[in-house]
Structures are given as structure tokens and as C-alpha cells.
PDB file of N, CA and C in Angstrom:
ATOM      1  N   UNK A   1     -39.157  52.233  30.279  1.00  0.00           N
ATOM      2  CA  UNK A   1     -39.318  52.149  28.256  1.00  0.00           C
ATOM      3  C   UNK A   1     -40.994  51.163  27.557  1.00  0.00           C
ATOM      4  N   UNK A   2     -41.024  49.937  28.797  1.00  0.00           N
ATOM      5  CA  UNK A   2     -42.602  49.960  28.635  1.00  0.00           C
ATOM      6  C   UNK A   2     -43.777  50.749  28.414  1.00  0.00           C
ATOM      7  N   UNK A   3     -43.639  51.456  29.575  1.00  0.00           N
ATOM      8  CA  UNK A   3     -44.670  52.823  29.212  1.00  0.00           C
ATOM      9  C   UNK A   3     -44.603  53.209  27.910  1.00  0.00           C
ATOM     10  N   UNK A   4     -43.260  53.880  27.897  1.00  0.00           N
ATOM     11  CA  UNK A   4     -42.990  55.237  26.508  1.00  0.00           C
ATOM     12  C   UNK A   4     -43.448  53.678  25.382  1.00  0.00           C
ATOM     13  N   UNK A   5     -43.163  52.746  25.391  1.00  0.00           N
ATOM     14  CA  UNK A   5     -43.425  51.862  24.202  1.00  0.00           C
ATOM     15  C   UNK A   5     -45.141  51.167  24.085  1.00  0.00           C
ATOM     16  N   UNK A   6     -45.953  51.582  25.107  1.00  0.00           N
ATOM     17  CA  UNK A   6     -47.082  51.616  25.016  1.00  0.00           C
ATOM     18  C   UNK A   6     -47.878  52.938  24.679  1.00  0.00           C
ATOM     19  N   UNK A   7     -47.046  53.842  25.126  1.00  0.00           N
ATOM     20  CA  UNK A   7     -47.763  55.403  24.735  1.00  0.00           C
ATOM     21  C   UNK A   7     -47.512  55.454  23.443  1.00  0.00           C
ATOM     22  N   UNK A   8     -46.607  54.973  22.962  1.00  0.00           N
ATOM     23  CA  UNK A   8     -46.267  55.268  21.359  1.00  0.00           C
ATOM     24  C   UNK A   8     -47.174  54.472  20.628  1.00  0.00           C
ATOM     25  N   UNK A   9     -47.692  53.341  21.320  1.00  0.00           N
ATOM     26  CA  UNK A   9     -48.099  52.178  20.482  1.00  0.00           C
ATOM     27  C   UNK A   9     -49.820  52.856  20.013  1.00  0.00           C
ATOM     28  N   UNK A  10     -50.365  53.862  21.704  1.00  0.00           N
ATOM     29  CA  UNK A  10     -51.807  54.244  21.065  1.00  0.00           C
ATOM     30  C   UNK A  10     -51.728  55.602  20.818  1.00  0.00           C
ATOM     31  N   UNK A  11     -50.625  56.023  20.763  1.00  0.00           N
ATOM     32  CA  UNK A  11     -50.612  57.544  20.286  1.00  0.00           C
ATOM     33  C   UNK A  11     -49.329  57.673  19.599  1.00  0.00           C
ATOM     34  N   UNK A  12     -49.054  57.004  18.213  1.00  0.00           N
ATOM     35  CA  UNK A  12     -47.639  56.936  17.657  1.00  0.00           C
ATOM     36  C   UNK A  12     -47.688  58.872  17.258  1.00  0.00           C
ATOM     37  N   UNK A  13     -46.526  59.094  17.259  1.00  0.00           N
ATOM     38  CA  UNK A  13     -46.486  60.016  16.487  1.00  0.00           C
ATOM     39  C   UNK A  13     -46.876  60.507  15.193  1.00  0.00           C
ATOM     40  N   UNK A  14     -46.815  61.719  14.914  1.00  0.00           N
ATOM     41  CA  UNK A  14     -46.939  62.318  13.659  1.00  0.00           C
ATOM     42  C   UNK A  14     -46.189  62.221  12.194  1.00  0.00           C
ATOM     43  N   UNK A  15     -45.942  61.572  11.594  1.00  0.00           N
ATOM     44  CA  UNK A  15     -44.829  61.375  10.736  1.00  0.00           C
ATOM     45  C   UNK A  15     -43.878  62.560  10.272  1.00  0.00           C
ATOM     46  N   UNK A  16     -44.498  63.821  10.603  1.00  0.00           N
ATOM     47  CA  UNK A  16     -43.816  65.490  10.517  1.00  0.00           C
ATOM     48  C   UNK A  16     -42.881  65.355  11.405  1.00  0.00           C
ATOM     49  N   UNK A  17     -43.017  65.002  12.353  1.00  0.00           N
ATOM     50  CA  UNK A  17     -42.229  64.811  14.323  1.00  0.00           C
ATOM     51  C   UNK A  17     -40.989  64.157  13.903  1.00  0.00           C
ATOM     52  N   UNK A  18     -40.365  64.433  14.902  1.00  0.00           N
ATOM     53  CA  UNK A  18     -39.009  64.190  14.725  1.00  0.00           C
ATOM     54  C   UNK A  18     -38.830  62.874  14.783  1.00  0.00           C
ATOM     55  N   UNK A  19     -39.335  62.423  15.788  1.00  0.00           N
ATOM     56  CA  UNK A  19     -39.500  60.760  15.766  1.00  0.00           C
ATOM     57  C   UNK A  19     -40.646  59.702  15.655  1.00  0.00           C
ATOM     58  N   UNK A  20     -41.230  60.282  14.094  1.00  0.00           N
ATOM     59  CA  UNK A  20     -41.993  60.104  13.094  1.00  0.00           C
ATOM     60  C   UNK A  20     -41.751  58.823  12.635  1.00  0.00           C
ATOM     61  N   UNK A  21     -42.442  57.844  12.307  1.00  0.00           N
ATOM     62  CA  UNK A  21     -42.021  56.375  12.272  1.00  0.00           C
ATOM     63  C   UNK A  21     -42.748  56.441  10.528  1.00  0.00           C
ATOM     64  N   UNK A  22     -42.467  56.956   9.690  1.00  0.00           N
ATOM     65  CA  UNK A  22     -43.265  56.611   8.387  1.00  0.00           C
ATOM     66  C   UNK A  22     -44.389  55.566   8.298  1.00  0.00           C
ATOM     67  N   UNK A  23     -45.366  55.931   8.585  1.00  0.00           N
ATOM     68  CA  UNK A  23     -46.414  54.956   9.137  1.00  0.00           C
ATOM     69  C   UNK A  23     -47.994  55.545   8.326  1.00  0.00           C
ATOM     70  N   UNK A  24     -47.568  56.793   8.138  1.00  0.00           N
ATOM     71  CA  UNK A  24     -48.674  57.644   7.071  1.00  0.00           C
ATOM     72  C   UNK A  24     -49.353  58.189   8.549  1.00  0.00           C
ATOM     73  N   UNK A  25     -49.040  58.503   9.257  1.00  0.00           N
ATOM     74  CA  UNK A  25     -49.940  59.422  10.468  1.00  0.00           C
ATOM     75  C   UNK A  25     -49.745  60.938  10.402  1.00  0.00           C
ATOM     76  N   UNK A  26     -51.150  61.046  10.680  1.00  0.00           N
ATOM     77  CA  UNK A  26     -51.069  63.048  10.726  1.00  0.00           C
ATOM     78  C   UNK A  26     -52.191  63.236  11.356  1.00  0.00           C
ATOM     79  N   UNK A  27     -51.884  64.372  12.500  1.00  0.00           N
ATOM     80  CA  UNK A  27     -52.661  64.542  13.304  1.00  0.00           C
ATOM     81  C   UNK A  27     -52.997  66.017  12.608  1.00  0.00           C
ATOM     82  N   UNK A  28     -54.136  66.345  12.943  1.00  0.00           N
ATOM     83  CA  UNK A  28     -54.769  67.595  12.723  1.00  0.00           C
ATOM     84  C   UNK A  28     -54.576  68.937  13.555  1.00  0.00           C
ATOM     85  N   UNK A  29     -54.043  68.546  15.050  1.00  0.00           N
ATOM     86  CA  UNK A  29     -53.188  69.505  15.478  1.00  0.00           C
ATOM     87  C   UNK A  29     -51.493  70.217  14.821  1.00  0.00           C
ATOM     88  N   UNK A  30     -51.446  68.854  13.839  1.00  0.00           N
ATOM     89  CA  UNK A  30     -49.881  69.492  13.601  1.00  0.00           C
ATOM     90  C   UNK A  30     -49.575  70.249  12.419  1.00  0.00           C
ATOM     91  N   UNK A  31     -51.253  70.260  11.839  1.00  0.00           N
ATOM     92  CA  UNK A  31     -51.367  70.885  10.922  1.00  0.00           C
ATOM     93  C   UNK A  31     -51.211  72.312  11.139  1.00  0.00           C
ATOM     94  N   UNK A  32     -49.544  73.044  10.861  1.00  0.00           N
ATOM     95  CA  UNK A  32     -49.327  74.375  11.802  1.00  0.00           C
ATOM     96  C   UNK A  32     -49.610  75.199  10.726  1.00  0.00           C
ATOM     97  N   UNK A  33     -49.696  75.238   9.387  1.00  0.00           N
ATOM     98  CA  UNK A  33     -49.786  76.159   8.772  1.00  0.00           C
ATOM     99  C   UNK A  33     -51.637  76.954   9.058  1.00  0.00           C
ATOM    100  N   UNK A  34     -51.827  75.982   9.257  1.00  0.00           N
ATOM    101  CA  UNK A  34     -53.837  76.251   9.734  1.00  0.00           C
ATOM    102  C   UNK A  34     -54.099  76.646  10.792  1.00  0.00           C
ATOM    103  N   UNK A  35     -52.847  77.039  11.283  1.00  0.00           N
ATOM    104  CA  UNK A  35     -53.125  77.428  13.352  1.00  0.00           C
ATOM    105  C   UNK A  35     -53.086  78.826  13.170  1.00  0.00           C
ATOM    106  N   UNK A  36     -53.509  79.442  14.285  1.00  0.00           N
ATOM    107  CA  UNK A  36     -54.783  78.657  15.101  1.00  0.00           C
ATOM    108  C   UNK A  36     -55.672  78.715  14.150  1.00  0.00           C
ATOM    109  N   UNK A  37     -56.203  77.600  14.792  1.00  0.00           N
ATOM    110  CA  UNK A  37     -57.768  77.104  13.888  1.00  0.00           C
ATOM    111  C   UNK A  37     -59.018  77.390  14.392  1.00  0.00           C
ATOM    112  N   UNK A  38     -59.031  78.038  15.459  1.00  0.00           N
ATOM    113  CA  UNK A  38     -60.355  78.374  16.326  1.00  0.00           C
ATOM    114  C   UNK A  38     -59.849  79.528  16.745  1.00  0.00           C
ATOM    115  N   UNK A  39     -61.209  80.747  17.252  1.00  0.00           N
ATOM    116  CA  UNK A  39     -61.059  81.875  17.799  1.00  0.00           C
ATOM    117  C   UNK A  39     -60.531  81.549  19.244  1.00  0.00           C
ATOM    118  N   UNK A  40     -60.492  80.796  20.142  1.00  0.00           N
ATOM    119  CA  UNK A  40     -60.650  79.780  21.458  1.00  0.00           C
ATOM    120  C   UNK A  40     -58.529  80.572  21.111  1.00  0.00           C
ATOM    121  N   UNK A  41     -58.270  79.280  20.318  1.00  0.00           N
ATOM    122  CA  UNK A  41     -56.697  79.353  19.989  1.00  0.00           C
ATOM    123  C   UNK A  41     -55.457  80.920  19.587  1.00  0.00           C
ATOM    124  N   UNK A  42     -56.734  81.149  18.634  1.00  0.00           N
ATOM    125  CA  UNK A  42     -56.228  82.852  18.502  1.00  0.00           C
ATOM    126  C   UNK A  42     -56.080  83.613  19.513  1.00  0.00           C
ATOM    127  N   UNK A  43     -57.118  83.256  20.518  1.00  0.00           N
ATOM    128  CA  UNK A  43     -57.187  84.511  22.079  1.00  0.00           C
ATOM    129  C   UNK A  43     -56.181  83.905  23.139  1.00  0.00           C
ATOM    130  N   UNK A  44     -56.307  82.377  22.827  1.00  0.00           N
ATOM    131  CA  UNK A  44     -54.995  82.258  23.418  1.00  0.00           C
ATOM    132  C   UNK A  44     -53.539  82.272  23.544  1.00  0.00           C
ATOM    133  N   UNK A  45     -53.507  82.661  21.760  1.00  0.00           N
ATOM    134  CA  UNK A  45     -52.030  83.216  21.548  1.00  0.00           C
ATOM    135  C   UNK A  45     -52.386  84.810  21.690  1.00  0.00           C
ATOM    136  N   UNK A  46     -53.167  85.199  21.722  1.00  0.00           N
ATOM    137  CA  UNK A  46     -52.836  87.420  21.764  1.00  0.00           C
ATOM    138  C   UNK A  46     -52.164  87.112  23.462  1.00  0.00           C
ATOM    139  N   UNK A  47     -52.917  86.294  24.662  1.00  0.00           N
ATOM    140  CA  UNK A  47     -53.086  86.499  26.107  1.00  0.00           C
ATOM    141  C   UNK A  47     -51.630  86.189  26.097  1.00  0.00           C
ATOM    142  N   UNK A  48     -50.858  85.180  25.389  1.00  0.00           N
ATOM    143  CA  UNK A  48     -49.422  85.172  25.633  1.00  0.00           C
ATOM    144  C   UNK A  48     -48.521  85.426  25.028  1.00  0.00           C
ATOM    145  N   UNK A  49     -49.080  86.458  24.341  1.00  0.00           N
ATOM    146  CA  UNK A  49     -48.161  87.715  23.978  1.00  0.00           C
ATOM    147  C   UNK A  49     -47.712  87.938  22.262  1.00  0.00           C
ATOM    148  N   UNK A  50     -48.752  86.646  21.671  1.00  0.00           N
ATOM    149  CA  UNK A  50     -48.517  86.654  20.141  1.00  0.00           C
ATOM    150  C   UNK A  50     -49.218  87.158  19.289  1.00  0.00           C
ATOM    151  N   UNK A  51     -49.060  88.377  18.597  1.00  0.00           N
ATOM    152  CA  UNK A  51     -49.674  88.873  18.025  1.00  0.00           C
ATOM    153  C   UNK A  51     -50.108  88.395  16.419  1.00  0.00           C
ATOM    154  N   UNK A  52     -50.767  87.069  16.642  1.00  0.00           N
ATOM    155  CA  UNK A  52     -51.407  86.444  15.673  1.00  0.00           C
ATOM    156  C   UNK A  52     -52.132  87.023  14.364  1.00  0.00           C
ATOM    157  N   UNK A  53     -52.495  88.432  14.498  1.00  0.00           N
ATOM    158  CA  UNK A  53     -52.958  89.358  13.790  1.00  0.00           C
ATOM    159  C   UNK A  53     -52.207  89.791  12.635  1.00  0.00           C
ATOM    160  N   UNK A  54     -51.288  89.534  12.999  1.00  0.00           N
ATOM    161  CA  UNK A  54     -49.765  90.567  12.390  1.00  0.00           C
ATOM    162  C   UNK A  54     -49.178  88.943  11.256  1.00  0.00           C
ATOM    163  N   UNK A  55     -49.338  89.326  10.442  1.00  0.00           N
ATOM    164  CA  UNK A  55     -48.490  87.793   9.719  1.00  0.00           C
ATOM    165  C   UNK A  55     -47.191  87.379  10.072  1.00  0.00           C
ATOM    166  N   UNK A  56     -46.622  88.838   9.894  1.00  0.00           N
ATOM    167  CA  UNK A  56     -44.865  88.076  10.270  1.00  0.00           C
ATOM    168  C   UNK A  56     -44.971  87.439  11.681  1.00  0.00           C
ATOM    169  N   UNK A  57     -45.649  87.957  12.544  1.00  0.00           N
ATOM    170  CA  UNK A  57     -45.538  87.282  14.470  1.00  0.00           C
ATOM    171  C   UNK A  57     -46.458  86.173  14.351  1.00  0.00           C
ATOM    172  N   UNK A  58     -47.093  85.858  13.306  1.00  0.00           N
ATOM    173  CA  UNK A  58     -48.165  84.747  12.833  1.00  0.00           C
ATOM    174  C   UNK A  58     -47.182  83.496  12.573  1.00  0.00           C
ATOM    175  N   UNK A  59     -46.120  84.036  11.992  1.00  0.00           N
ATOM    176  CA  UNK A  59     -45.191  83.069  11.142  1.00  0.00           C
ATOM    177  C   UNK A  59     -44.624  82.653  12.190  1.00  0.00           C
ATOM    178  N   UNK A  60     -43.605  83.781  13.305  1.00  0.00           N
ATOM    179  CA  UNK A  60     -42.955  83.365  13.952  1.00  0.00           C
ATOM    180  C   UNK A  60     -43.309  82.349  14.847  1.00  0.00           C
ATOM    181  N   UNK A  61     -44.832  82.654  15.335  1.00  0.00           N
ATOM    182  CA  UNK A  61     -45.654  81.700  16.204  1.00  0.00           C
ATOM    183  C   UNK A  61     -45.440  80.532  15.551  1.00  0.00           C
ATOM    184  N   UNK A  62     -46.199  80.442  14.495  1.00  0.00           N
ATOM    185  CA  UNK A  62     -45.891  78.786  13.894  1.00  0.00           C
ATOM    186  C   UNK A  62     -44.710  78.411  13.336  1.00  0.00           C
ATOM    187  N   UNK A  63     -43.611  78.985  13.467  1.00  0.00           N
ATOM    188  CA  UNK A  63     -42.373  77.730  13.366  1.00  0.00           C
ATOM    189  C   UNK A  63     -41.565  78.015  14.657  1.00  0.00           C
ATOM    190  N   UNK A  64     -42.292  78.557  15.874  1.00  0.00           N
ATOM    191  CA  UNK A  64     -41.660  77.846  16.848  1.00  0.00           C
ATOM    192  C   UNK A  64     -42.795  76.871  17.209  1.00  0.00           C
ATOM    193  N   UNK A  65     -43.901  76.659  16.725  1.00  0.00           N
ATOM    194  CA  UNK A  65     -44.916  75.224  17.407  1.00  0.00           C
ATOM    195  C   UNK A  65     -44.594  74.462  17.040  1.00  0.00           C
ATOM    196  N   UNK A  66     -44.337  73.432  18.029  1.00  0.00           N
ATOM    197  CA  UNK A  66     -43.824  72.181  18.012  1.00  0.00           C
ATOM    198  C   UNK A  66     -45.025  70.739  17.165  1.00  0.00           C
ATOM    199  N   UNK A  67     -44.323  69.737  16.555  1.00  0.00           N
ATOM    200  CA  UNK A  67     -45.355  68.869  16.156  1.00  0.00           C
ATOM    201  C   UNK A  67     -45.488  67.740  17.310  1.00  0.00           C
ATOM    202  N   UNK A  68     -46.458  68.163  18.117  1.00  0.00           N
ATOM    203  CA  UNK A  68     -46.783  67.671  19.660  1.00  0.00           C
ATOM    204  C   UNK A  68     -47.839  66.708  19.593  1.00  0.00           C
ATOM    205  N   UNK A  69     -48.724  66.609  18.642  1.00  0.00           N
ATOM    206  CA  UNK A  69     -50.427  66.360  18.991  1.00  0.00           C
ATOM    207  C   UNK A  69     -49.964  64.698  19.453  1.00  0.00           C
ATOM    208  N   UNK A  70     -49.082  64.012  19.438  1.00  0.00           N
ATOM    209  CA  UNK A  70     -48.977  62.830  20.008  1.00  0.00           C
ATOM    210  C   UNK A  70     -48.602  62.680  21.379  1.00  0.00           C
ATOM    211  N   UNK A  71     -47.800  63.825  21.914  1.00  0.00           N
ATOM    212  CA  UNK A  71     -47.704  64.326  23.300  1.00  0.00           C
ATOM    213  C   UNK A  71     -49.074  64.469  23.983  1.00  0.00           C
ATOM    214  N   UNK A  72     -49.530  65.500  23.396  1.00  0.00           N
ATOM    215  CA  UNK A  72     -51.100  65.824  23.917  1.00  0.00           C
ATOM    216  C   UNK A  72     -51.916  64.415  24.227  1.00  0.00           C
ATOM    217  N   UNK A  73     -51.931  63.620  23.711  1.00  0.00           N
ATOM    218  CA  UNK A  73     -52.696  62.441  23.612  1.00  0.00           C
ATOM    219  C   UNK A  73     -52.404  61.430  24.664  1.00  0.00           C
ATOM    220  N   UNK A  74     -50.966  61.172  24.645  1.00  0.00           N
ATOM    221  CA  UNK A  74     -50.341  60.633  25.583  1.00  0.00           C
ATOM    222  C   UNK A  74     -50.654  61.101  26.607  1.00  0.00           C
ATOM    223  N   UNK A  75     -50.706  62.565  27.330  1.00  0.00           N
ATOM    224  CA  UNK A  75     -51.070  62.750  28.467  1.00  0.00           C
ATOM    225  C   UNK A  75     -52.522  62.544  28.702  1.00  0.00           C
ATOM    226  N   UNK A  76     -53.234  62.773  27.550  1.00  0.00           N
ATOM    227  CA  UNK A  76     -54.511  62.247  28.057  1.00  0.00           C
ATOM    228  C   UNK A  76     -54.774  60.639  28.846  1.00  0.00           C
ATOM    229  N   UNK A  77     -53.780  60.033  28.138  1.00  0.00           N
ATOM    230  CA  UNK A  77     -53.727  58.685  28.249  1.00  0.00           C
ATOM    231  C   UNK A  77     -53.079  58.537  30.022  1.00  0.00           C
ATOM    232  N   UNK A  78     -52.534  59.611  30.147  1.00  0.00           N
ATOM    233  CA  UNK A  78     -51.921  59.223  31.205  1.00  0.00           C
ATOM    234  C   UNK A  78     -52.165  59.870  32.657  1.00  0.00           C
ATOM    235  N   UNK A  79     -53.228  61.175  32.332  1.00  0.00           N
ATOM    236  CA  UNK A  79     -54.049  62.330  33.011  1.00  0.00           C
ATOM    237  C   UNK A  79     -52.404  62.794  33.824  1.00  0.00           C
ATOM    238  N   UNK A  80     -53.310  63.137  34.754  1.00  0.00           N
ATOM    239  CA  UNK A  80     -52.149  64.680  35.623  1.00  0.00           C
ATOM    240  C   UNK A  80     -51.560  64.191  36.762  1.00  0.00           C
ATOM    241  N   UNK A  81     -51.908  63.042  37.554  1.00  0.00           N
ATOM    242  CA  UNK A  81     -52.082  62.695  38.382  1.00  0.00           C
ATOM    243  C   UNK A  81     -51.024  61.584  38.833  1.00  0.00           C
ATOM    244  N   UNK A  82     -51.003  60.687  37.732  1.00  0.00           N
ATOM    245  CA  UNK A  82     -49.813  59.609  37.856  1.00  0.00           C
ATOM    246  C   UNK A  82     -48.337  59.956  37.663  1.00  0.00           C
ATOM    247  N   UNK A  83     -47.242  59.155  38.716  1.00  0.00           N
ATOM    248  CA  UNK A  83     -45.870  59.532  38.995  1.00  0.00           C
ATOM    249  C   UNK A  83     -45.743  58.342  38.202  1.00  0.00           C
ATOM    250  N   UNK A  84     -44.398  57.928  37.346  1.00  0.00           N
ATOM    251  CA  UNK A  84     -43.960  56.662  36.816  1.00  0.00           C
ATOM    252  C   UNK A  84     -42.436  56.745  37.428  1.00  0.00           C
ATOM    253  N   UNK A  85     -42.121  55.938  38.198  1.00  0.00           N
ATOM    254  CA  UNK A  85     -41.028  55.573  38.833  1.00  0.00           C
ATOM    255  C   UNK A  85     -39.655  55.710  37.960  1.00  0.00           C
ATOM    256  N   UNK A  86     -38.600  56.275  37.646  1.00  0.00           N
ATOM    257  CA  UNK A  86     -37.510  55.835  37.306  1.00  0.00           C
ATOM    258  C   UNK A  86     -36.406  55.881  37.561  1.00  0.00           C
ATOM    259  N   UNK A  87     -36.008  54.500  37.437  1.00  0.00           N
ATOM    260  CA  UNK A  87     -35.064  53.697  37.835  1.00  0.00           C
ATOM    261  C   UNK A  87     -33.379  53.875  37.105  1.00  0.00           C
TER     262      UNK A  87
END
């Protein structure tokens, strides 16, 4: 619980996420209605089978895209080689 609390303090969830805390936190990554927001992200979508050039497919992609910027920030803090024992 301490690690979770620490991560949420350093990278609090966006108010639009299901665990948002109404702290007026808004991350640009979670502005789903303007994504993909770069050519690089557009190409990643296409490589993963999402034809985001088609308006209907783009909307389907946006509908399934999670509000998860805080998760990305937390993973940057933890890195990819740490492990946390769960008791």
C-alpha cells in the first residue's frame, strides 16, 4: 500500500480517470479526442491494425483508449527491472 500511495502522490490520476480524485489534474496524454497527436502515434496505430485514417475506425480506437497517463508516469518512476513483493 505504501508504494501505491507514493506513486499516486507523485503521479496522481487524471480527474477523468475512474480513480480520479477531483484535484484538477489533467494530462495532455488523456485528451483522447485529439489523439493520435503525432505522426509517430498515428503510425503505431496503423501498425497495430487501427486504420485511424478512417473516421469510424478512429472513433473506435479512441473509445477503447484508456485514461492512463498516471500509469505511464508511475512506470517511468519504477522502471522496468524492479519487482515488488506482494504479501
